């Protein structure tokens, strides 16, 4: 049974070596391990904080972008609306100007037609008067005794005249 129970000296030396090992590990290994764990924890915490700040900045930028996009759309709609209004106004002005020019041209054409018509009527009146004078002159030159001879002569003169 002596083999199974250790002696007091062995227990003492094992305890002493264990305590020295614990002290040595505490001085040499535990502090650097705990420091590296603490540093790693801090770096992870800083990374999380940086990520949170970045997420907040992204949310802010996204909101700002949405506002800018909305403003740009409103500006585009305003410019399109104004350009349509200007185009309509120009179109209406062009139509009014075209109508007034067309009315002016029509009025000038009517005036020219009236002048030509009056000139043509004067010309016809002059020709009719000339024909009447020629017929009367010929009738007077020829002394006719009967009505039948006068009618025959008038018919001949009318046939002789060339009418345009």
C-alpha atoms as a PDB file:
ATOM      1  CA  UNK A   1       0.000   0.000   0.000  1.00  0.00           C
ATOM      2  CA  UNK A   2       2.905   2.243   0.224  1.00  0.00           C
ATOM      3  CA  UNK A   3       2.961   2.522  -3.471  1.00  0.00           C
ATOM      4  CA  UNK A   4      -0.495   3.903  -3.679  1.00  0.00           C
ATOM      5  CA  UNK A   5      -0.148   6.528  -0.992  1.00  0.00           C
ATOM      6  CA  UNK A   6       2.383   9.218  -1.641  1.00  0.00           C
ATOM      7  CA  UNK A   7       4.665  10.464   1.008  1.00  0.00           C
ATOM      8  CA  UNK A   8       4.478  13.836   2.698  1.00  0.00           C
ATOM      9  CA  UNK A   9       7.757  14.973   1.143  1.00  0.00           C
ATOM     10  CA  UNK A  10       6.468  14.187  -2.311  1.00  0.00           C
ATOM     11  CA  UNK A  11       3.226  16.033  -1.670  1.00  0.00           C
ATOM     12  CA  UNK A  12       5.168  18.987  -0.291  1.00  0.00           C
ATOM     13  CA  UNK A  13       7.491  19.162  -3.300  1.00  0.00           C
ATOM     14  CA  UNK A  14       4.678  18.701  -5.739  1.00  0.00           C
ATOM     15  CA  UNK A  15       2.685  21.454  -4.021  1.00  0.00           C
ATOM     16  CA  UNK A  16       5.731  23.713  -3.997  1.00  0.00           C
ATOM     17  CA  UNK A  17       6.418  23.088  -7.694  1.00  0.00           C
ATOM     18  CA  UNK A  18       2.735  23.597  -8.457  1.00  0.00           C
ATOM     19  CA  UNK A  19       2.703  26.924  -6.583  1.00  0.00           C
ATOM     20  CA  UNK A  20       5.924  28.023  -8.293  1.00  0.00           C
ATOM     21  CA  UNK A  21       4.459  27.021 -11.608  1.00  0.00           C
ATOM     22  CA  UNK A  22       1.270  28.962 -10.867  1.00  0.00           C
ATOM     23  CA  UNK A  23       3.301  32.047  -9.802  1.00  0.00           C
ATOM     24  CA  UNK A  24       5.572  31.707 -12.788  1.00  0.00           C
ATOM     25  CA  UNK A  25       2.647  31.226 -15.173  1.00  0.00           C
ATOM     26  CA  UNK A  26       0.868  34.156 -13.545  1.00  0.00           C
ATOM     27  CA  UNK A  27       3.874  36.436 -14.031  1.00  0.00           C
ATOM     28  CA  UNK A  28       4.975  35.168 -17.393  1.00  0.00           C
ATOM     29  CA  UNK A  29       1.903  33.813 -19.186  1.00  0.00           C
ATOM     30  CA  UNK A  30      -1.346  34.906 -17.544  1.00  0.00           C
ATOM     31  CA  UNK A  31      -0.693  38.646 -17.646  1.00  0.00           C
ATOM     32  CA  UNK A  32       0.365  38.654 -21.338  1.00  0.00           C
ATOM     33  CA  UNK A  33      -2.521  36.325 -22.228  1.00  0.00           C
ATOM     34  CA  UNK A  34      -5.009  38.472 -20.301  1.00  0.00           C
ATOM     35  CA  UNK A  35      -3.491  41.666 -21.789  1.00  0.00           C
ATOM     36  CA  UNK A  36      -3.731  40.255 -25.309  1.00  0.00           C
ATOM     37  CA  UNK A  37      -7.353  39.179 -24.618  1.00  0.00           C
ATOM     38  CA  UNK A  38      -8.078  42.654 -23.230  1.00  0.00           C
ATOM     39  CA  UNK A  39      -6.493  44.275 -26.315  1.00  0.00           C
ATOM     40  CA  UNK A  40      -8.412  41.963 -28.591  1.00  0.00           C
ATOM     41  CA  UNK A  41     -11.638  42.793 -26.743  1.00  0.00           C
ATOM     42  CA  UNK A  42     -10.894  46.498 -27.103  1.00  0.00           C
ATOM     43  CA  UNK A  43     -10.097  46.180 -30.801  1.00  0.00           C
ATOM     44  CA  UNK A  44     -13.316  44.210 -31.349  1.00  0.00           C
ATOM     45  CA  UNK A  45     -15.245  46.851 -29.397  1.00  0.00           C
ATOM     46  CA  UNK A  46     -13.630  49.640 -31.440  1.00  0.00           C
ATOM     47  CA  UNK A  47     -14.408  47.790 -34.655  1.00  0.00           C
ATOM     48  CA  UNK A  48     -18.040  47.415 -33.557  1.00  0.00           C
ATOM     49  CA  UNK A  49     -18.220  51.113 -32.681  1.00  0.00           C
ATOM     50  CA  UNK A  50     -16.628  52.051 -36.005  1.00  0.00           C
ATOM     51  CA  UNK A  51     -19.062  49.776 -37.821  1.00  0.00           C
ATOM     52  CA  UNK A  52     -21.984  51.380 -35.947  1.00  0.00           C
ATOM     53  CA  UNK A  53     -20.711  54.855 -36.825  1.00  0.00           C
ATOM     54  CA  UNK A  54     -20.309  53.804 -40.449  1.00  0.00           C
ATOM     55  CA  UNK A  55     -23.838  52.374 -40.456  1.00  0.00           C
ATOM     56  CA  UNK A  56     -25.195  55.628 -39.009  1.00  0.00           C
ATOM     57  CA  UNK A  57     -23.232  57.658 -41.561  1.00  0.00           C
ATOM     58  CA  UNK A  58     -24.539  55.442 -44.340  1.00  0.00           C
ATOM     59  CA  UNK A  59     -28.085  55.935 -43.078  1.00  0.00           C
ATOM     60  CA  UNK A  60     -27.500  59.701 -42.942  1.00  0.00           C
ATOM     61  CA  UNK A  61     -25.985  59.686 -46.435  1.00  0.00           C
ATOM     62  CA  UNK A  62     -28.848  57.585 -47.726  1.00  0.00           C
ATOM     63  CA  UNK A  63     -31.377  60.034 -46.265  1.00  0.00           C
ATOM     64  CA  UNK A  64     -29.421  62.953 -47.716  1.00  0.00           C
ATOM     65  CA  UNK A  65     -29.271  61.223 -51.087  1.00  0.00           C
ATOM     66  CA  UNK A  66     -33.007  60.599 -51.013  1.00  0.00           C
ATOM     67  CA  UNK A  67     -33.616  64.277 -50.202  1.00  0.00           C
ATOM     68  CA  UNK A  68     -31.276  65.359 -53.022  1.00  0.00           C
ATOM     69  CA  UNK A  69     -32.926  62.915 -55.400  1.00  0.00           C
ATOM     70  CA  UNK A  70     -36.362  64.217 -54.448  1.00  0.00           C
ATOM     71  CA  UNK A  71     -35.199  67.810 -54.965  1.00  0.00           C
ATOM     72  CA  UNK A  72     -33.661  66.887 -58.319  1.00  0.00           C
ATOM     73  CA  UNK A  73     -36.924  65.258 -59.420  1.00  0.00           C
ATOM     74  CA  UNK A  74     -38.909  68.293 -58.329  1.00  0.00           C
ATOM     75  CA  UNK A  75     -36.483  70.582 -60.183  1.00  0.00           C
ATOM     76  CA  UNK A  76     -36.720  68.376 -63.286  1.00  0.00           C
ATOM     77  CA  UNK A  77     -40.526  68.428 -63.127  1.00  0.00           C
ATOM     78  CA  UNK A  78     -40.480  72.202 -62.683  1.00  0.00           C
ATOM     79  CA  UNK A  79     -38.150  72.662 -65.667  1.00  0.00           C
ATOM     80  CA  UNK A  80     -40.272  70.336 -67.811  1.00  0.00           C
ATOM     81  CA  UNK A  81     -43.455  72.152 -66.799  1.00  0.00           C
ATOM     82  CA  UNK A  82     -41.893  75.540 -67.582  1.00  0.00           C
ATOM     83  CA  UNK A  83     -40.569  74.323 -70.925  1.00  0.00           C
ATOM     84  CA  UNK A  84     -44.014  72.988 -71.872  1.00  0.00           C
ATOM     85  CA  UNK A  85     -45.560  76.319 -70.927  1.00  0.00           C
ATOM     86  CA  UNK A  86     -42.975  78.217 -72.976  1.00  0.00           C
ATOM     87  CA  UNK A  87     -43.467  75.866 -75.925  1.00  0.00           C
ATOM     88  CA  UNK A  88     -47.248  76.289 -75.738  1.00  0.00           C
ATOM     89  CA  UNK A  89     -46.904  80.062 -75.494  1.00  0.00           C
ATOM     90  CA  UNK A  90     -44.547  80.172 -78.478  1.00  0.00           C
ATOM     91  CA  UNK A  91     -46.889  77.898 -80.424  1.00  0.00           C
ATOM     92  CA  UNK A  92     -49.892  80.106 -79.644  1.00  0.00           C
ATOM     93  CA  UNK A  93     -47.971  83.253 -80.567  1.00  0.00           C
ATOM     94  CA  UNK A  94     -46.880  81.659 -83.845  1.00  0.00           C
ATOM     95  CA  UNK A  95     -50.476  80.639 -84.587  1.00  0.00           C
ATOM     96  CA  UNK A  96     -51.749  84.147 -83.852  1.00  0.00           C
ATOM     97  CA  UNK A  97     -49.043  85.683 -86.016  1.00  0.00           C
ATOM     98  CA  UNK A  98     -49.772  83.229 -88.830  1.00  0.00           C
ATOM     99  CA  UNK A  99     -53.496  84.011 -88.597  1.00  0.00           C
ATOM    100  CA  UNK A 100     -52.883  87.742 -88.673  1.00  0.00           C
ATOM    101  CA  UNK A 101     -50.546  87.385 -91.667  1.00  0.00           C
ATOM    102  CA  UNK A 102     -53.057  85.132 -93.427  1.00  0.00           C
ATOM    103  CA  UNK A 103     -55.849  87.627 -92.745  1.00  0.00           C
ATOM    104  CA  UNK A 104     -53.637  90.432 -94.050  1.00  0.00           C
ATOM    105  CA  UNK A 105     -52.797  88.464 -97.205  1.00  0.00           C
ATOM    106  CA  UNK A 106     -56.484  87.621 -97.731  1.00  0.00           C
ATOM    107  CA  UNK A 107     -57.470  91.273 -97.265  1.00  0.00           C
ATOM    108  CA  UNK A 108     -54.777  92.372 -99.737  1.00  0.00           C
ATOM    109  CA  UNK A 109     -55.899  89.707-102.211  1.00  0.00           C
ATOM    110  CA  UNK A 110     -59.536  90.828-101.905  1.00  0.00           C
ATOM    111  CA  UNK A 111     -58.512  94.439-102.419  1.00  0.00           C
ATOM    112  CA  UNK A 112     -56.464  93.458-105.488  1.00  0.00           C
ATOM    113  CA  UNK A 113     -59.392  91.406-106.813  1.00  0.00           C
ATOM    114  CA  UNK A 114     -61.760  94.363-106.316  1.00  0.00           C
ATOM    115  CA  UNK A 115     -59.342  96.697-108.115  1.00  0.00           C
ATOM    116  CA  UNK A 116     -58.959  94.228-110.992  1.00  0.00           C
ATOM    117  CA  UNK A 117     -62.720  93.712-111.127  1.00  0.00           C
ATOM    118  CA  UNK A 118     -63.351  97.451-111.277  1.00  0.00           C
ATOM    119  CA  UNK A 119     -60.668  97.858-113.952  1.00  0.00           C
ATOM    120  CA  UNK A 120     -62.210  95.013-115.969  1.00  0.00           C
ATOM    121  CA  UNK A 121     -65.684  96.554-115.631  1.00  0.00           C
ATOM    122  CA  UNK A 122     -64.340  99.937-116.809  1.00  0.00           C
ATOM    123  CA  UNK A 123     -62.651  98.233-119.752  1.00  0.00           C
ATOM    124  CA  UNK A 124     -65.887  96.427-120.652  1.00  0.00           C
ATOM    125  CA  UNK A 125     -67.846  99.680-120.375  1.00  0.00           C
ATOM    126  CA  UNK A 126     -65.314 101.450-122.605  1.00  0.00           C
ATOM    127  CA  UNK A 127     -65.479  98.661-125.199  1.00  0.00           C
ATOM    128  CA  UNK A 128     -69.284  98.616-125.104  1.00  0.00           C
ATOM    129  CA  UNK A 129     -69.338 102.391-125.524  1.00  0.00           C
ATOM    130  CA  UNK A 130     -66.826 102.158-128.391  1.00  0.00           C
ATOM    131  CA  UNK A 131     -68.882  99.454-130.088  1.00  0.00           C
ATOM    132  CA  UNK A 132     -72.034 101.474-129.632  1.00  0.00           C
ATOM    133  CA  UNK A 133     -70.372 104.560-131.139  1.00  0.00           C
ATOM    134  CA  UNK A 134     -69.012 102.588-134.086  1.00  0.00           C
ATOM    135  CA  UNK A 135     -72.414 101.074-134.750  1.00  0.00           C
ATOM    136  CA  UNK A 136     -74.096 104.454-134.468  1.00  0.00           C
ATOM    137  CA  UNK A 137     -71.497 106.019-136.770  1.00  0.00           C
ATOM    138  CA  UNK A 138     -71.981 103.366-139.418  1.00  0.00           C
ATOM    139  CA  UNK A 139     -75.745 103.642-139.117  1.00  0.00           C
ATOM    140  CA  UNK A 140     -75.606 107.347-139.555  1.00  0.00           C
ATOM    141  CA  UNK A 141     -73.312 107.054-142.539  1.00  0.00           C
ATOM    142  CA  UNK A 142     -75.651 104.776-144.277  1.00  0.00           C
ATOM    143  CA  UNK A 143     -78.997 106.211-144.908  1.00  0.00           C
ATOM    144  CA  UNK A 144     -81.390 103.434-144.334  1.00  0.00           C
ATOM    145  CA  UNK A 145     -85.016 103.665-145.084  1.00  0.00           C
ATOM    146  CA  UNK A 146     -86.490 100.573-143.599  1.00  0.00           C
ATOM    147  CA  UNK A 147     -86.359  98.971-140.195  1.00  0.00           C
ATOM    148  CA  UNK A 148     -85.506  95.606-141.685  1.00  0.00           C
ATOM    149  CA  UNK A 149     -82.437  96.999-143.379  1.00  0.00           C
ATOM    150  CA  UNK A 150     -81.359  98.660-140.127  1.00  0.00           C
ATOM    151  CA  UNK A 151     -81.756  95.406-138.170  1.00  0.00           C
ATOM    152  CA  UNK A 152     -79.879  93.477-140.816  1.00  0.00           C
ATOM    153  CA  UNK A 153     -77.056  96.001-140.729  1.00  0.00           C
ATOM    154  CA  UNK A 154     -76.820  95.851-136.912  1.00  0.00           C
ATOM    155  CA  UNK A 155     -76.625  92.049-137.018  1.00  0.00           C
ATOM    156  CA  UNK A 156     -73.871  92.197-139.622  1.00  0.00           C
ATOM    157  CA  UNK A 157     -71.868  94.696-137.602  1.00  0.00           C
ATOM    158  CA  UNK A 158     -72.205  92.611-134.455  1.00  0.00           C
ATOM    159  CA  UNK A 159     -71.011  89.521-136.268  1.00  0.00           C
ATOM    160  CA  UNK A 160     -68.073  91.467-137.716  1.00  0.00           C
ATOM    161  CA  UNK A 161     -66.907  92.601-134.327  1.00  0.00           C
ATOM    162  CA  UNK A 162     -64.481  90.281-132.663  1.00  0.00           C
ATOM    163  CA  UNK A 163     -65.371  89.814-129.041  1.00  0.00           C
ATOM    164  CA  UNK A 164     -62.690  88.544-126.654  1.00  0.00           C
END
